[in-house]
Amino acid sequence: MSAEQKLAAACLAFVDSARVKAAGGLTVAEFGSLTVQLLRLAVTGLEEIPADGPAKKLWALGVVGTLFDAVAGFAVPLYLQPFWILAKPLVRSLVLAAAGGALEQILALTRAAEKPA
């Protein structure tokens, strides 16, 4: 199994476990925490994959999109579900934009930790 396949399997396992956790309901803060955890998992795994930076960023944002599609609806109260159907594409775009910024910060922190003092 290649490093990319291992990372994909780990990310899908994370999304599946998040789906199970979210089944009883999910707050926006919990969703944010799950997103950051997934980004850290992706950043760590992507360091071992030979690809350029933009391809790695696209890959990481793709798994965040998968997480969003799997669990974000659990953070929306039942009475707001009709509005969620209309707002979901916009919210998804905003989440991916925020995840892109968070990814840059996580990369900076990871690289700073790797540099010798």
N, C-alpha and C. Protein backbone atom coordinates (compact mmCIF):
# COMPACT_ATOMS: atom_id res chain seq x y z
N MET A 1 0.85 -1.18 0.00
CA MET A 1 0.00 0.00 0.00
C MET A 1 0.89 1.24 0.00
N SER A 2 0.63 2.16 -0.92
CA SER A 2 1.45 3.36 -1.03
C SER A 2 1.11 4.35 0.08
N ALA A 3 1.97 5.34 0.25
CA ALA A 3 1.75 6.36 1.28
C ALA A 3 0.46 7.13 1.02
N GLU A 4 0.17 7.39 -0.25
CA GLU A 4 -1.06 8.11 -0.59
C GLU A 4 -2.30 7.27 -0.26
N GLN A 5 -2.24 5.99 -0.54
CA GLN A 5 -3.37 5.11 -0.22
C GLN A 5 -3.57 5.00 1.29
N LYS A 6 -2.46 4.93 2.04
CA LYS A 6 -2.56 4.87 3.50
C LYS A 6 -3.19 6.15 4.06
N LEU A 7 -2.77 7.29 3.51
CA LEU A 7 -3.32 8.57 3.96
C LEU A 7 -4.81 8.67 3.61
N ALA A 8 -5.16 8.26 2.41
CA ALA A 8 -6.57 8.28 2.00
C ALA A 8 -7.41 7.40 2.92
N ALA A 9 -6.90 6.22 3.25
CA ALA A 9 -7.62 5.31 4.14
C ALA A 9 -7.75 5.92 5.54
N ALA A 10 -6.69 6.56 6.03
CA ALA A 10 -6.74 7.18 7.36
C ALA A 10 -7.75 8.33 7.38
N CYS A 11 -7.76 9.13 6.33
CA CYS A 11 -8.70 10.26 6.27
C CYS A 11 -10.14 9.77 6.16
N LEU A 12 -10.38 8.75 5.37
CA LEU A 12 -11.73 8.20 5.25
C LEU A 12 -12.18 7.57 6.57
N ALA A 13 -11.26 6.92 7.28
CA ALA A 13 -11.59 6.36 8.59
C ALA A 13 -11.94 7.48 9.57
N PHE A 14 -11.20 8.59 9.50
CA PHE A 14 -11.49 9.74 10.35
C PHE A 14 -12.88 10.29 10.05
N VAL A 15 -13.21 10.43 8.76
CA VAL A 15 -14.53 10.94 8.37
C VAL A 15 -15.63 10.00 8.85
N ASP A 16 -15.40 8.70 8.71
CA ASP A 16 -16.39 7.72 9.18
C ASP A 16 -16.60 7.82 10.69
N SER A 17 -15.50 7.97 11.45
CA SER A 17 -15.65 8.09 12.91
C SER A 17 -16.33 9.41 13.27
N ALA A 18 -16.05 10.47 12.51
CA ALA A 18 -16.72 11.76 12.74
C ALA A 18 -18.21 11.64 12.46
N ARG A 19 -18.57 10.89 11.44
CA ARG A 19 -19.98 10.69 11.11
C ARG A 19 -20.70 9.99 12.26
N VAL A 20 -20.05 9.00 12.86
CA VAL A 20 -20.63 8.28 13.99
C VAL A 20 -20.78 9.21 15.19
N LYS A 21 -19.75 10.02 15.48
CA LYS A 21 -19.81 10.96 16.60
C LYS A 21 -20.90 12.00 16.39
N ALA A 22 -21.10 12.42 15.14
CA ALA A 22 -22.05 13.49 14.83
C ALA A 22 -23.49 13.02 14.77
N ALA A 23 -23.70 11.72 14.76
CA ALA A 23 -25.06 11.19 14.60
C ALA A 23 -26.01 11.71 15.68
N GLY A 24 -25.51 11.99 16.87
CA GLY A 24 -26.35 12.49 17.95
C GLY A 24 -26.47 14.00 17.95
N GLY A 25 -25.85 14.67 17.04
CA GLY A 25 -25.84 16.13 16.98
C GLY A 25 -24.41 16.64 17.02
N LEU A 26 -24.24 17.84 16.55
CA LEU A 26 -22.90 18.41 16.43
C LEU A 26 -23.00 19.92 16.56
N THR A 27 -22.12 20.52 17.31
CA THR A 27 -22.09 21.98 17.38
C THR A 27 -21.13 22.50 16.31
N VAL A 28 -21.22 23.78 16.04
CA VAL A 28 -20.31 24.39 15.06
C VAL A 28 -18.88 24.30 15.57
N ALA A 29 -18.68 24.49 16.87
CA ALA A 29 -17.33 24.39 17.45
C ALA A 29 -16.77 22.98 17.28
N GLU A 30 -17.61 21.97 17.49
CA GLU A 30 -17.16 20.59 17.31
C GLU A 30 -16.80 20.32 15.85
N PHE A 31 -17.58 20.87 14.93
CA PHE A 31 -17.26 20.72 13.52
C PHE A 31 -15.92 21.38 13.20
N GLY A 32 -15.69 22.56 13.75
CA GLY A 32 -14.41 23.24 13.55
C GLY A 32 -13.25 22.43 14.09
N SER A 33 -13.44 21.84 15.26
CA SER A 33 -12.40 21.00 15.85
C SER A 33 -12.11 19.78 14.98
N LEU A 34 -13.16 19.16 14.48
CA LEU A 34 -12.97 18.01 13.58
C LEU A 34 -12.21 18.42 12.32
N THR A 35 -12.52 19.60 11.80
CA THR A 35 -11.85 20.09 10.59
C THR A 35 -10.36 20.28 10.83
N VAL A 36 -10.01 20.89 11.96
CA VAL A 36 -8.60 21.13 12.27
C VAL A 36 -7.88 19.79 12.48
N GLN A 37 -8.52 18.86 13.17
CA GLN A 37 -7.91 17.54 13.37
C GLN A 37 -7.65 16.85 12.03
N LEU A 38 -8.62 16.94 11.13
CA LEU A 38 -8.45 16.32 9.81
C LEU A 38 -7.34 17.00 9.02
N LEU A 39 -7.27 18.32 9.09
CA LEU A 39 -6.20 19.05 8.40
C LEU A 39 -4.83 18.65 8.94
N ARG A 40 -4.72 18.49 10.25
CA ARG A 40 -3.43 18.05 10.83
C ARG A 40 -3.06 16.66 10.35
N LEU A 41 -4.04 15.78 10.31
CA LEU A 41 -3.81 14.43 9.80
C LEU A 41 -3.33 14.49 8.35
N ALA A 42 -3.99 15.31 7.54
CA ALA A 42 -3.64 15.43 6.14
C ALA A 42 -2.24 16.03 5.96
N VAL A 43 -1.93 17.08 6.70
CA VAL A 43 -0.62 17.72 6.59
C VAL A 43 0.49 16.75 6.94
N THR A 44 0.30 16.03 8.03
CA THR A 44 1.30 15.06 8.46
C THR A 44 1.51 13.98 7.39
N GLY A 45 0.43 13.46 6.87
CA GLY A 45 0.53 12.41 5.85
C GLY A 45 1.04 12.91 4.52
N LEU A 46 0.68 14.13 4.15
CA LEU A 46 1.09 14.66 2.85
C LEU A 46 2.58 14.97 2.79
N GLU A 47 3.22 15.12 3.93
CA GLU A 47 4.66 15.38 3.93
C GLU A 47 5.43 14.20 3.31
N GLU A 48 4.86 13.00 3.39
CA GLU A 48 5.52 11.80 2.86
C GLU A 48 5.21 11.54 1.39
N ILE A 49 4.32 12.33 0.81
CA ILE A 49 3.88 12.08 -0.57
C ILE A 49 4.61 13.05 -1.50
N PRO A 50 5.25 12.51 -2.54
CA PRO A 50 5.97 13.39 -3.47
C PRO A 50 5.00 14.08 -4.44
N ALA A 51 4.63 15.29 -4.09
CA ALA A 51 3.76 16.11 -4.95
C ALA A 51 4.09 17.56 -4.66
N ASP A 52 3.67 18.45 -5.56
CA ASP A 52 3.94 19.86 -5.33
C ASP A 52 2.93 20.43 -4.34
N GLY A 53 3.23 21.61 -3.82
CA GLY A 53 2.40 22.25 -2.80
C GLY A 53 0.95 22.44 -3.17
N PRO A 54 0.65 23.01 -4.37
CA PRO A 54 -0.76 23.21 -4.73
C PRO A 54 -1.54 21.90 -4.83
N ALA A 55 -0.91 20.84 -5.28
CA ALA A 55 -1.60 19.54 -5.37
C ALA A 55 -1.91 19.02 -3.98
N LYS A 56 -0.98 19.20 -3.06
CA LYS A 56 -1.21 18.76 -1.68
C LYS A 56 -2.33 19.56 -1.04
N LYS A 57 -2.35 20.87 -1.29
CA LYS A 57 -3.40 21.72 -0.73
C LYS A 57 -4.77 21.31 -1.28
N LEU A 58 -4.83 21.06 -2.57
CA LEU A 58 -6.09 20.59 -3.17
C LEU A 58 -6.55 19.28 -2.55
N TRP A 59 -5.62 18.38 -2.32
CA TRP A 59 -5.95 17.09 -1.72
C TRP A 59 -6.51 17.29 -0.32
N ALA A 60 -5.83 18.12 0.48
CA ALA A 60 -6.27 18.37 1.86
C ALA A 60 -7.64 19.03 1.88
N LEU A 61 -7.87 20.00 1.00
CA LEU A 61 -9.18 20.65 0.96
C LEU A 61 -10.25 19.70 0.46
N GLY A 62 -9.87 18.75 -0.37
CA GLY A 62 -10.82 17.74 -0.82
C GLY A 62 -11.33 16.88 0.32
N VAL A 63 -10.44 16.50 1.24
CA VAL A 63 -10.90 15.69 2.37
C VAL A 63 -11.72 16.53 3.35
N VAL A 64 -11.43 17.83 3.44
CA VAL A 64 -12.27 18.71 4.27
C VAL A 64 -13.66 18.80 3.65
N GLY A 65 -13.73 18.88 2.33
CA GLY A 65 -15.03 18.88 1.66
C GLY A 65 -15.79 17.60 1.92
N THR A 66 -15.09 16.49 1.94
CA THR A 66 -15.72 15.20 2.25
C THR A 66 -16.26 15.20 3.67
N LEU A 67 -15.48 15.74 4.61
CA LEU A 67 -15.93 15.84 6.00
C LEU A 67 -17.17 16.73 6.09
N PHE A 68 -17.14 17.86 5.41
CA PHE A 68 -18.28 18.78 5.41
C PHE A 68 -19.54 18.08 4.91
N ASP A 69 -19.40 17.40 3.78
CA ASP A 69 -20.56 16.71 3.21
C ASP A 69 -21.09 15.63 4.14
N ALA A 70 -20.20 15.00 4.90
CA ALA A 70 -20.60 13.89 5.77
C ALA A 70 -21.26 14.34 7.06
N VAL A 71 -20.81 15.45 7.66
CA VAL A 71 -21.28 15.76 9.01
C VAL A 71 -21.84 17.16 9.22
N ALA A 72 -21.67 18.09 8.32
CA ALA A 72 -22.09 19.47 8.58
C ALA A 72 -23.59 19.58 8.82
N GLY A 73 -24.38 18.78 8.16
CA GLY A 73 -25.82 18.83 8.35
C GLY A 73 -26.25 18.51 9.77
N PHE A 74 -25.43 17.78 10.52
CA PHE A 74 -25.76 17.44 11.90
C PHE A 74 -25.65 18.66 12.82
N ALA A 75 -24.98 19.73 12.37
CA ALA A 75 -24.85 20.94 13.17
C ALA A 75 -26.01 21.90 12.95
N VAL A 76 -26.92 21.55 12.05
CA VAL A 76 -28.05 22.42 11.72
C VAL A 76 -29.30 21.90 12.43
N PRO A 77 -29.96 22.75 13.22
CA PRO A 77 -31.19 22.31 13.88
C PRO A 77 -32.25 21.88 12.86
N LEU A 78 -33.09 20.98 13.27
CA LEU A 78 -34.11 20.42 12.39
C LEU A 78 -34.99 21.49 11.76
N TYR A 79 -35.38 22.48 12.54
CA TYR A 79 -36.28 23.51 12.01
C TYR A 79 -35.60 24.40 10.96
N LEU A 80 -34.27 24.37 10.88
CA LEU A 80 -33.55 25.16 9.87
C LEU A 80 -33.15 24.33 8.64
N GLN A 81 -33.48 23.05 8.64
CA GLN A 81 -33.10 22.19 7.52
C GLN A 81 -33.58 22.71 6.16
N PRO A 82 -34.80 23.25 6.03
CA PRO A 82 -35.21 23.78 4.71
C PRO A 82 -34.29 24.90 4.21
N PHE A 83 -33.84 25.75 5.13
CA PHE A 83 -32.92 26.82 4.75
C PHE A 83 -31.52 26.27 4.47
N TRP A 84 -31.16 25.20 5.17
CA TRP A 84 -29.86 24.58 4.99
C TRP A 84 -29.69 24.09 3.56
N ILE A 85 -30.74 23.58 2.99
CA ILE A 85 -30.67 23.09 1.61
C ILE A 85 -30.23 24.21 0.67
N LEU A 86 -30.72 25.41 0.92
CA LEU A 86 -30.35 26.56 0.09
C LEU A 86 -28.97 27.12 0.45
N ALA A 87 -28.65 27.11 1.73
CA ALA A 87 -27.41 27.74 2.20
C ALA A 87 -26.19 26.83 2.12
N LYS A 88 -26.40 25.53 2.00
CA LYS A 88 -25.29 24.58 2.07
C LYS A 88 -24.16 24.88 1.08
N PRO A 89 -24.43 25.15 -0.21
CA PRO A 89 -23.31 25.41 -1.13
C PRO A 89 -22.48 26.64 -0.73
N LEU A 90 -23.15 27.68 -0.25
CA LEU A 90 -22.42 28.88 0.17
C LEU A 90 -21.60 28.60 1.43
N VAL A 91 -22.20 27.93 2.39
CA VAL A 91 -21.49 27.61 3.62
C VAL A 91 -20.30 26.69 3.33
N ARG A 92 -20.50 25.75 2.40
CA ARG A 92 -19.40 24.84 2.03
C ARG A 92 -18.22 25.63 1.47
N SER A 93 -18.52 26.61 0.61
CA SER A 93 -17.45 27.46 0.04
C SER A 93 -16.73 28.23 1.13
N LEU A 94 -17.49 28.76 2.09
CA LEU A 94 -16.87 29.50 3.19
C LEU A 94 -16.01 28.60 4.06
N VAL A 95 -16.49 27.40 4.34
CA VAL A 95 -15.72 26.45 5.15
C VAL A 95 -14.43 26.08 4.44
N LEU A 96 -14.50 25.84 3.14
CA LEU A 96 -13.29 25.48 2.39
C LEU A 96 -12.30 26.65 2.34
N ALA A 97 -12.82 27.88 2.23
CA ALA A 97 -11.93 29.04 2.25
C ALA A 97 -11.25 29.18 3.61
N ALA A 98 -12.03 28.99 4.68
CA ALA A 98 -11.45 29.06 6.03
C ALA A 98 -10.46 27.92 6.25
N ALA A 99 -10.78 26.74 5.74
CA ALA A 99 -9.86 25.60 5.87
C ALA A 99 -8.56 25.86 5.12
N GLY A 100 -8.66 26.54 3.98
CA GLY A 100 -7.44 26.89 3.24
C GLY A 100 -6.53 27.79 4.05
N GLY A 101 -7.12 28.77 4.75
CA GLY A 101 -6.34 29.64 5.62
C GLY A 101 -5.76 28.88 6.81
N ALA A 102 -6.58 28.02 7.39
CA ALA A 102 -6.11 27.21 8.52
C ALA A 102 -4.99 26.28 8.08
N LEU A 103 -5.11 25.76 6.88
CA LEU A 103 -4.07 24.86 6.35
C LEU A 103 -2.74 25.59 6.25
N GLU A 104 -2.76 26.83 5.78
CA GLU A 104 -1.53 27.61 5.69
C GLU A 104 -0.91 27.80 7.08
N GLN A 105 -1.74 28.06 8.08
CA GLN A 105 -1.24 28.25 9.45
C GLN A 105 -0.67 26.94 10.01
N ILE A 106 -1.37 25.84 9.77
CA ILE A 106 -0.89 24.54 10.26
C ILE A 106 0.43 24.19 9.60
N LEU A 107 0.55 24.46 8.30
CA LEU A 107 1.82 24.21 7.60
C LEU A 107 2.94 25.04 8.20
N ALA A 108 2.65 26.31 8.46
CA ALA A 108 3.68 27.18 9.05
C ALA A 108 4.12 26.67 10.41
N LEU A 109 3.15 26.24 11.23
CA LEU A 109 3.49 25.72 12.56
C LEU A 109 4.27 24.42 12.47
N THR A 110 3.86 23.56 11.54
CA THR A 110 4.55 22.28 11.36
C THR A 110 5.98 22.48 10.90
N ARG A 111 6.16 23.37 9.96
CA ARG A 111 7.51 23.62 9.44
C ARG A 111 8.38 24.32 10.48
N ALA A 112 7.79 25.20 11.27
CA ALA A 112 8.56 25.87 12.34
C ALA A 112 9.01 24.85 13.40
N ALA A 113 8.16 23.88 13.69
CA ALA A 113 8.51 22.86 14.68
C ALA A 113 9.60 21.94 14.16
N GLU A 114 9.68 21.75 12.85
CA GLU A 114 10.67 20.86 12.26
C GLU A 114 12.06 21.47 12.18
N LYS A 115 12.14 22.81 12.12
CA LYS A 115 13.42 23.49 12.00
C LYS A 115 14.20 23.38 13.31
N PRO A 116 15.47 23.08 13.21
CA PRO A 116 16.28 23.02 14.43
C PRO A 116 16.43 24.41 15.05
N ALA A 117 16.46 24.44 16.36
CA ALA A 117 16.53 25.73 17.08
C ALA A 117 17.93 26.27 17.11
